[in-house]
Amino acid sequence: MSKHGPGCRLYLITPPVIDAATFTDPLAAALDAGDVAALQVRLKDVDDDTVRRATEALAPICQDRNVPLIMNDRPDLAREMGCDGVHVGQSDASYEAARGAVGQDGIVGVTCHASRHLAMVAGDAGADYVAFGAFFPSTTKQSEHHPEPELLNWWSETTIIQCCAIGGITAENCAPLVAAGADFLAVISAVWDHLEGPAAGVKAFEQAIQAAGRDGVASAGAT
């Protein structure tokens, strides 16, 4: 999970509940539509076997396209299923457990809400990326933490560790996050629930990210 040089990339997260048998086609369409940095399997309120079946179904699609597959919350399942990485929250497994599960070559991301301190702790421990949010109201997950884009700017100027913005992000509102230095935009409903389908959702983000990047360069050149 890396950047293609300067810029921001899309980080897709699965909807909270999916039918593994029918989700494979929308996933393939989304990944084929543009640049996607990773897919996170985030299935809530389901049993472990459901997560296993979904991961088994989605993994080949990601592997064929060289898109890392990240497990949410569960280092044990990430290791069991051979995922490329794991993402943990502050109330989930520890960073140490996550790193132990995926090894030094695996990807470990840590939720840091709106906290500079938590981000510095995660970065010092060895996290590959930290996630800040929610930047906007989200229908998927409620959050009491609502950072400003300036946090992304501070982080990108402080460290080379990558940062991910999450929470209610759409192609229409993402420009300030891109301009502030987000390496990744974590997205759920804005892609999967796009009126024209997930492929159109990915393309909309690509266009918005490119436009925000051009506008940022133009603004910097004007100062």
Protein backbone atom coordinates (compact mmCIF):
# COMPACT_ATOMS: atom_id res chain seq x y z
CA MET A 1 0.00 0.00 0.00
CA SER A 2 1.91 2.94 -1.28
CA LYS A 3 1.52 6.08 -3.29
CA HIS A 4 2.32 6.45 -7.00
CA GLY A 5 4.57 9.35 -6.00
CA PRO A 6 3.00 12.64 -4.93
CA GLY A 7 -0.73 12.63 -4.53
CA CYS A 8 -3.68 11.03 -2.85
CA ARG A 9 -5.22 7.61 -3.43
CA LEU A 10 -8.54 5.92 -2.79
CA TYR A 11 -8.78 3.37 0.04
CA LEU A 12 -11.96 1.32 -0.30
CA ILE A 13 -13.74 -0.24 2.66
CA THR A 14 -16.45 -2.85 2.25
CA PRO A 15 -19.99 -2.04 3.39
CA PRO A 16 -20.74 -3.30 6.93
CA VAL A 17 -22.68 -6.25 5.52
CA ILE A 18 -22.15 -7.89 2.15
CA ASP A 19 -23.18 -11.03 0.27
CA ALA A 20 -19.83 -12.47 -0.75
CA ALA A 21 -21.36 -14.25 -3.72
CA THR A 22 -22.81 -11.09 -5.25
CA PHE A 23 -20.24 -8.53 -4.08
CA THR A 24 -17.43 -9.91 -6.24
CA ASP A 25 -18.70 -8.30 -9.44
CA PRO A 26 -19.11 -4.79 -7.97
CA LEU A 27 -15.67 -5.11 -6.39
CA ALA A 28 -14.04 -6.13 -9.66
CA ALA A 29 -15.77 -3.25 -11.44
CA ALA A 30 -14.59 -0.77 -8.81
CA LEU A 31 -10.98 -1.96 -8.85
CA ASP A 32 -10.90 -1.94 -12.65
CA ALA A 33 -12.25 1.61 -12.82
CA GLY A 34 -9.22 3.42 -11.43
CA ASP A 35 -6.42 3.59 -8.92
CA VAL A 36 -7.31 1.94 -5.61
CA ALA A 37 -4.66 1.71 -2.91
CA ALA A 38 -6.27 -1.05 -0.85
CA LEU A 39 -9.47 -2.80 0.13
CA GLN A 40 -10.37 -3.17 3.78
CA VAL A 41 -12.71 -6.00 4.80
CA ARG A 42 -14.86 -4.39 7.48
CA LEU A 43 -17.84 -6.58 8.35
CA LYS A 44 -19.69 -5.78 11.54
CA ASP A 45 -22.15 -7.85 13.58
CA VAL A 46 -21.38 -11.06 11.71
CA ASP A 47 -19.71 -14.28 12.82
CA ASP A 48 -16.13 -15.22 12.00
CA ASP A 49 -17.11 -17.75 9.34
CA THR A 50 -18.94 -15.01 7.44
CA VAL A 51 -15.78 -12.90 7.51
CA ARG A 52 -13.73 -15.88 6.37
CA ARG A 53 -16.05 -16.63 3.44
CA ALA A 54 -16.07 -13.02 2.35
CA THR A 55 -12.29 -12.77 2.54
CA GLU A 56 -11.88 -15.96 0.55
CA ALA A 57 -14.17 -14.61 -2.17
CA LEU A 58 -12.64 -11.14 -2.35
CA ALA A 59 -8.96 -11.99 -1.99
CA PRO A 60 -8.43 -13.38 -5.53
CA ILE A 61 -10.00 -10.27 -7.08
CA CYS A 62 -7.62 -8.05 -5.12
CA GLN A 63 -4.60 -10.26 -5.78
CA ASP A 64 -5.22 -10.29 -9.53
CA ARG A 65 -5.07 -6.48 -9.47
CA ASN A 66 -2.23 -6.09 -6.96
CA VAL A 67 -4.54 -4.37 -4.49
CA PRO A 68 -3.63 -5.13 -0.86
CA LEU A 69 -6.37 -6.72 1.24
CA ILE A 70 -6.60 -5.32 4.77
CA MET A 71 -8.56 -6.92 7.61
CA ASN A 72 -10.38 -4.61 10.01
CA ASP A 73 -10.02 -5.13 13.77
CA ARG A 74 -8.93 -8.77 13.73
CA PRO A 75 -5.20 -9.54 13.60
CA ASP A 76 -5.97 -13.22 14.21
CA LEU A 77 -8.19 -13.47 11.13
CA ALA A 78 -5.74 -11.39 9.09
CA ARG A 79 -3.04 -13.94 9.80
CA GLU A 80 -5.32 -16.94 9.31
CA MET A 81 -6.63 -15.66 5.97
CA GLY A 82 -3.27 -14.47 4.66
CA CYS A 83 -4.28 -10.82 4.39
CA ASP A 84 -1.76 -8.20 3.39
CA GLY A 85 -2.42 -6.18 6.51
CA VAL A 86 -4.70 -5.24 9.36
CA HIS A 87 -6.30 -2.04 10.59
CA VAL A 88 -6.94 -1.59 14.32
CA GLY A 89 -8.85 0.99 16.30
CA GLN A 90 -8.04 2.34 19.72
CA SER A 91 -10.44 -0.13 21.36
CA ASP A 92 -9.40 -3.10 19.20
CA ALA A 93 -6.28 -5.22 19.33
CA SER A 94 -2.98 -3.52 20.14
CA TYR A 95 -0.48 -2.39 17.55
CA GLU A 96 1.90 -5.08 18.81
CA ALA A 97 -0.70 -7.80 18.22
CA ALA A 98 -1.40 -6.42 14.77
CA ARG A 99 2.26 -6.33 13.81
CA GLY A 100 2.83 -9.79 15.22
CA ALA A 101 0.00 -11.14 13.09
CA VAL A 102 1.09 -9.72 9.73
CA GLY A 103 4.84 -9.49 10.24
CA GLN A 104 7.26 -6.74 9.36
CA ASP A 105 6.32 -6.87 5.69
CA GLY A 106 2.60 -6.56 6.40
CA ILE A 107 0.59 -3.35 6.54
CA VAL A 108 -0.63 -2.04 9.89
CA GLY A 109 -2.94 0.96 10.11
CA VAL A 110 -4.13 2.57 13.32
CA THR A 111 -7.19 4.74 13.96
CA CYS A 112 -6.17 7.94 15.74
CA HIS A 113 -9.44 9.92 15.59
CA ALA A 114 -8.47 13.59 15.94
CA SER A 115 -5.50 13.04 18.25
CA ARG A 116 -1.98 14.17 17.42
CA HIS A 117 -0.74 12.26 20.45
CA LEU A 118 -2.29 8.95 19.40
CA ALA A 119 -0.89 9.42 15.91
CA MET A 120 2.62 10.08 17.21
CA VAL A 121 2.41 7.01 19.46
CA ALA A 122 1.27 4.83 16.55
CA GLY A 123 3.90 6.26 14.23
CA ASP A 124 6.69 5.76 16.77
CA ALA A 125 5.54 2.17 17.27
CA GLY A 126 5.89 1.47 13.56
CA ALA A 127 2.44 1.90 12.02
CA ASP A 128 2.47 2.12 8.23
CA TYR A 129 -0.33 4.67 8.25
CA VAL A 130 -2.56 6.47 10.72
CA ALA A 131 -6.22 7.27 10.12
CA PHE A 132 -7.89 10.51 11.15
CA GLY A 133 -11.62 11.20 11.23
CA ALA A 134 -14.50 11.52 10.98
CA PHE A 135 -14.06 14.60 8.83
CA PHE A 136 -17.71 14.66 7.78
CA PRO A 137 -20.93 13.07 9.11
CA SER A 138 -21.12 9.41 8.14
CA THR A 139 -24.07 7.10 7.71
CA THR A 140 -21.82 4.07 8.24
CA LYS A 141 -20.24 4.87 11.59
CA GLN A 142 -21.01 7.57 14.12
CA SER A 143 -18.03 9.37 15.61
CA GLU A 144 -17.54 11.93 18.34
CA HIS A 145 -14.22 12.97 16.79
CA HIS A 146 -14.30 15.60 14.04
CA PRO A 147 -10.84 16.87 13.08
CA GLU A 148 -10.19 19.75 10.74
CA PRO A 149 -8.16 19.30 7.52
CA GLU A 150 -5.32 21.23 9.19
CA LEU A 151 -4.54 18.05 11.14
CA LEU A 152 -3.61 16.33 7.88
CA ASN A 153 -1.41 19.25 6.94
CA TRP A 154 0.37 19.13 10.29
CA TRP A 155 0.92 15.39 10.01
CA SER A 156 2.25 15.49 6.45
CA GLU A 157 4.72 18.21 7.42
CA THR A 158 5.77 16.38 10.60
CA THR A 159 6.49 12.86 9.36
CA ILE A 160 6.83 10.68 6.29
CA ILE A 161 4.36 8.16 7.73
CA GLN A 162 1.25 8.11 5.60
CA CYS A 163 -2.15 9.34 6.75
CA CYS A 164 -5.65 8.33 5.82
CA ALA A 165 -8.75 10.53 6.06
CA ILE A 166 -12.06 8.86 6.84
CA GLY A 167 -15.65 9.75 7.59
CA GLY A 168 -18.40 10.80 5.19
CA ILE A 169 -15.97 11.55 2.36
CA THR A 170 -17.42 12.10 -1.11
CA ALA A 171 -16.08 13.22 -4.45
CA GLU A 172 -17.80 16.53 -3.81
CA ASN A 173 -16.26 17.29 -0.39
CA CYS A 174 -12.82 15.66 -0.57
CA ALA A 175 -10.86 18.55 -2.09
CA PRO A 176 -9.80 20.17 1.23
CA LEU A 177 -8.52 16.81 2.50
CA VAL A 178 -6.50 16.21 -0.64
CA ALA A 179 -5.08 19.72 -0.49
CA ALA A 180 -4.22 19.30 3.19
CA GLY A 181 -2.02 16.29 2.47
CA ALA A 182 -4.12 13.15 2.89
CA ASP A 183 -2.30 10.18 1.39
CA PHE A 184 -5.48 8.10 1.29
CA LEU A 185 -9.23 8.74 1.34
CA ALA A 186 -11.11 5.91 3.04
CA VAL A 187 -14.50 5.54 1.39
CA ILE A 188 -17.52 3.29 1.73
CA SER A 189 -20.95 4.51 0.66
CA ALA A 190 -19.77 7.18 -1.79
CA VAL A 191 -18.50 4.37 -4.02
CA TRP A 192 -20.71 1.37 -3.29
CA ASP A 193 -23.94 3.40 -3.22
CA HIS A 194 -23.11 5.63 -6.18
CA LEU A 195 -26.18 6.10 -8.35
CA GLU A 196 -24.33 4.94 -11.46
CA GLY A 197 -22.53 2.07 -9.76
CA PRO A 198 -19.20 1.61 -7.97
CA ALA A 199 -17.09 2.01 -11.11
CA ALA A 200 -18.56 5.46 -11.63
CA GLY A 201 -17.93 6.18 -7.96
CA VAL A 202 -14.23 5.38 -8.29
CA LYS A 203 -13.92 7.46 -11.46
CA ALA A 204 -15.61 10.41 -9.73
CA PHE A 205 -13.04 10.27 -6.95
CA GLU A 206 -10.16 10.04 -9.40
CA GLN A 207 -11.36 13.17 -11.14
CA ALA A 208 -11.92 15.00 -7.86
CA ILE A 209 -8.50 14.03 -6.51
CA GLN A 210 -6.76 15.10 -9.69
CA ALA A 211 -8.65 18.41 -9.73
CA ALA A 212 -7.84 19.08 -6.07
CA GLY A 213 -4.19 18.33 -6.72
CA ARG A 214 -4.06 20.72 -9.67
CA ASP A 215 -5.83 23.43 -7.69
CA GLY A 216 -3.38 22.96 -4.82
CA VAL A 217 -0.37 23.30 -7.10
CA ALA A 218 -1.88 26.39 -8.73
CA SER A 219 -2.58 27.97 -5.33
CA ALA A 220 0.95 27.26 -4.12
CA GLY A 221 2.40 28.82 -7.27
CA ALA A 222 0.34 31.95 -6.76
CA THR A 223 1.75 32.72 -3.31
